[in-house]
Amino acid sequence: MKRILVVDDDPDILEVFQLALEAEQYDVYPLLSPRYIFKTIKDYHPDLIILDIMLNGMDGRAVFKELRLNEETRNIPVIMASARYNENYIASQQYHPDDYLEKPFNMTDMLQKVNALTNN
């Protein structure tokens, strides 16, 4: 079973991701704060990370940059998600995620992106 770490500061969004992904036979770890993301990754060994950009008190883009600069996490696929920023903005950044979800997202599109990145 593929493991997905979902980082979002909105518990309702986390629940939507979790229910949808678990229905597709994914093991989901919901994380409300990226504060412990590296410890969680070390313990959980996710096959994919879905990371919100606008996090309470933290910037998901900075977290993503740390993921890419860290030897142990650089190869984990990441889908960035945001209600504020569009895909063109994300593409203009120095570090590019493996995919992008604009909120509110279409469930079918989200599952297709996850399936493609986890080879499920």
Protein backbone atom coordinates (compact mmCIF):
# COMPACT_ATOMS: atom_id res chain seq x y z
CA MET A 1 0.00 0.00 0.00
CA LYS A 2 1.44 3.37 -1.05
CA ARG A 3 1.89 5.95 1.71
CA ILE A 4 0.92 9.59 1.26
CA LEU A 5 1.80 12.40 3.64
CA VAL A 6 -0.69 15.29 3.39
CA VAL A 7 0.33 18.59 4.99
CA ASP A 8 -2.42 21.21 5.31
CA ASP A 9 -3.41 23.51 8.17
CA ASP A 10 -7.13 23.09 7.45
CA PRO A 11 -8.51 19.97 9.19
CA ASP A 12 -11.47 19.83 6.80
CA ILE A 13 -9.18 19.75 3.75
CA LEU A 14 -7.04 17.07 5.42
CA GLU A 15 -10.15 14.99 5.97
CA VAL A 16 -11.22 15.34 2.33
CA PHE A 17 -7.78 14.21 1.14
CA GLN A 18 -7.72 11.35 3.62
CA LEU A 19 -11.19 10.01 2.78
CA ALA A 20 -10.64 10.24 -0.98
CA LEU A 21 -7.19 8.66 -0.91
CA GLU A 22 -8.08 5.90 1.55
CA ALA A 23 -11.03 4.99 -0.71
CA GLU A 24 -8.40 4.39 -3.41
CA GLN A 25 -6.40 2.11 -1.08
CA TYR A 26 -3.71 4.60 -0.06
CA ASP A 27 -2.32 4.81 3.45
CA VAL A 28 -2.64 8.48 4.44
CA TYR A 29 -0.84 10.41 7.16
CA PRO A 30 -2.53 13.81 7.75
CA LEU A 31 -0.26 16.49 9.20
CA LEU A 32 -1.68 19.85 10.36
CA SER A 33 1.71 21.58 10.67
CA PRO A 34 4.96 21.16 8.75
CA ARG A 35 6.89 21.75 11.97
CA TYR A 36 7.62 18.01 12.33
CA ILE A 37 7.63 17.12 8.65
CA PHE A 38 11.19 15.74 8.58
CA LYS A 39 10.63 13.53 11.64
CA THR A 40 7.34 12.36 10.14
CA ILE A 41 9.02 11.56 6.82
CA LYS A 42 11.77 9.62 8.63
CA ASP A 43 9.21 7.58 10.60
CA TYR A 44 6.50 7.20 7.93
CA HIS A 45 8.55 6.89 4.68
CA PRO A 46 5.93 8.43 2.36
CA ASP A 47 5.82 7.59 -1.35
CA LEU A 48 4.32 11.03 -2.04
CA ILE A 49 3.80 14.34 -0.20
CA ILE A 50 0.88 16.68 -0.82
CA LEU A 51 1.92 20.06 0.59
CA ASP A 52 -0.19 23.17 0.96
CA ILE A 53 1.55 26.49 0.24
CA MET A 54 -0.30 28.67 2.74
CA LEU A 55 0.31 27.08 6.14
CA ASN A 56 -0.44 28.61 9.52
CA GLY A 57 2.73 30.50 10.43
CA MET A 58 4.86 28.82 7.76
CA ASP A 59 5.34 29.04 4.02
CA GLY A 60 4.92 25.75 2.16
CA ARG A 61 7.33 27.00 -0.51
CA ALA A 62 10.10 27.26 2.09
CA VAL A 63 9.24 23.79 3.39
CA PHE A 64 9.34 22.46 -0.19
CA LYS A 65 12.75 24.06 -0.78
CA GLU A 66 14.07 22.33 2.36
CA LEU A 67 12.68 19.02 1.09
CA ARG A 68 14.52 19.45 -2.23
CA LEU A 69 17.79 20.52 -0.58
CA ASN A 70 17.78 17.63 1.91
CA GLU A 71 19.56 14.52 0.61
CA GLU A 72 17.09 12.17 2.34
CA THR A 73 13.92 13.83 0.97
CA ARG A 74 14.96 15.27 -2.40
CA ASN A 75 13.57 12.35 -4.43
CA ILE A 76 10.16 12.10 -2.77
CA PRO A 77 7.52 13.33 -5.25
CA VAL A 78 5.64 16.43 -4.06
CA ILE A 79 2.31 17.87 -5.15
CA MET A 80 1.94 21.50 -4.06
CA ALA A 81 -1.59 22.76 -3.39
CA SER A 82 -2.93 26.29 -3.08
CA ALA A 83 -6.07 28.38 -3.25
CA ARG A 84 -4.06 31.58 -3.66
CA TYR A 85 -1.36 30.77 -6.21
CA ASN A 86 -1.91 29.38 -9.70
CA GLU A 87 0.18 26.90 -11.66
CA ASN A 88 2.01 29.63 -13.62
CA TYR A 89 3.24 31.18 -10.39
CA ILE A 90 4.48 27.81 -9.14
CA ALA A 91 6.28 27.20 -12.44
CA SER A 92 8.07 30.54 -12.06
CA GLN A 93 9.68 29.50 -8.76
CA GLN A 94 13.26 28.22 -8.49
CA TYR A 95 12.19 24.79 -7.21
CA HIS A 96 9.41 23.00 -9.06
CA PRO A 97 7.08 20.44 -7.50
CA ASP A 98 6.26 17.25 -9.37
CA ASP A 99 2.69 18.49 -9.81
CA TYR A 100 0.28 21.17 -8.64
CA LEU A 101 -3.30 21.26 -7.35
CA GLU A 102 -5.28 24.47 -7.43
CA LYS A 103 -7.91 24.62 -4.66
CA PRO A 104 -10.73 23.94 -4.80
CA PHE A 105 -9.63 20.87 -6.68
CA ASN A 106 -11.49 18.29 -8.70
CA MET A 107 -11.31 14.92 -6.93
CA THR A 108 -10.76 12.98 -10.17
CA ASP A 109 -7.88 15.27 -11.18
CA MET A 110 -6.29 14.95 -7.74
CA LEU A 111 -6.50 11.15 -7.85
CA GLN A 112 -5.04 11.05 -11.39
CA LYS A 113 -2.08 13.16 -10.27
CA VAL A 114 -1.51 11.00 -7.19
CA ASN A 115 -1.82 7.77 -9.20
CA ALA A 116 0.66 9.04 -11.80
CA LEU A 117 3.27 9.98 -9.17
CA THR A 118 2.89 6.80 -7.13
CA ASN A 119 2.63 4.50 -10.17
CA ASN A 120 -0.53 3.07 -8.65
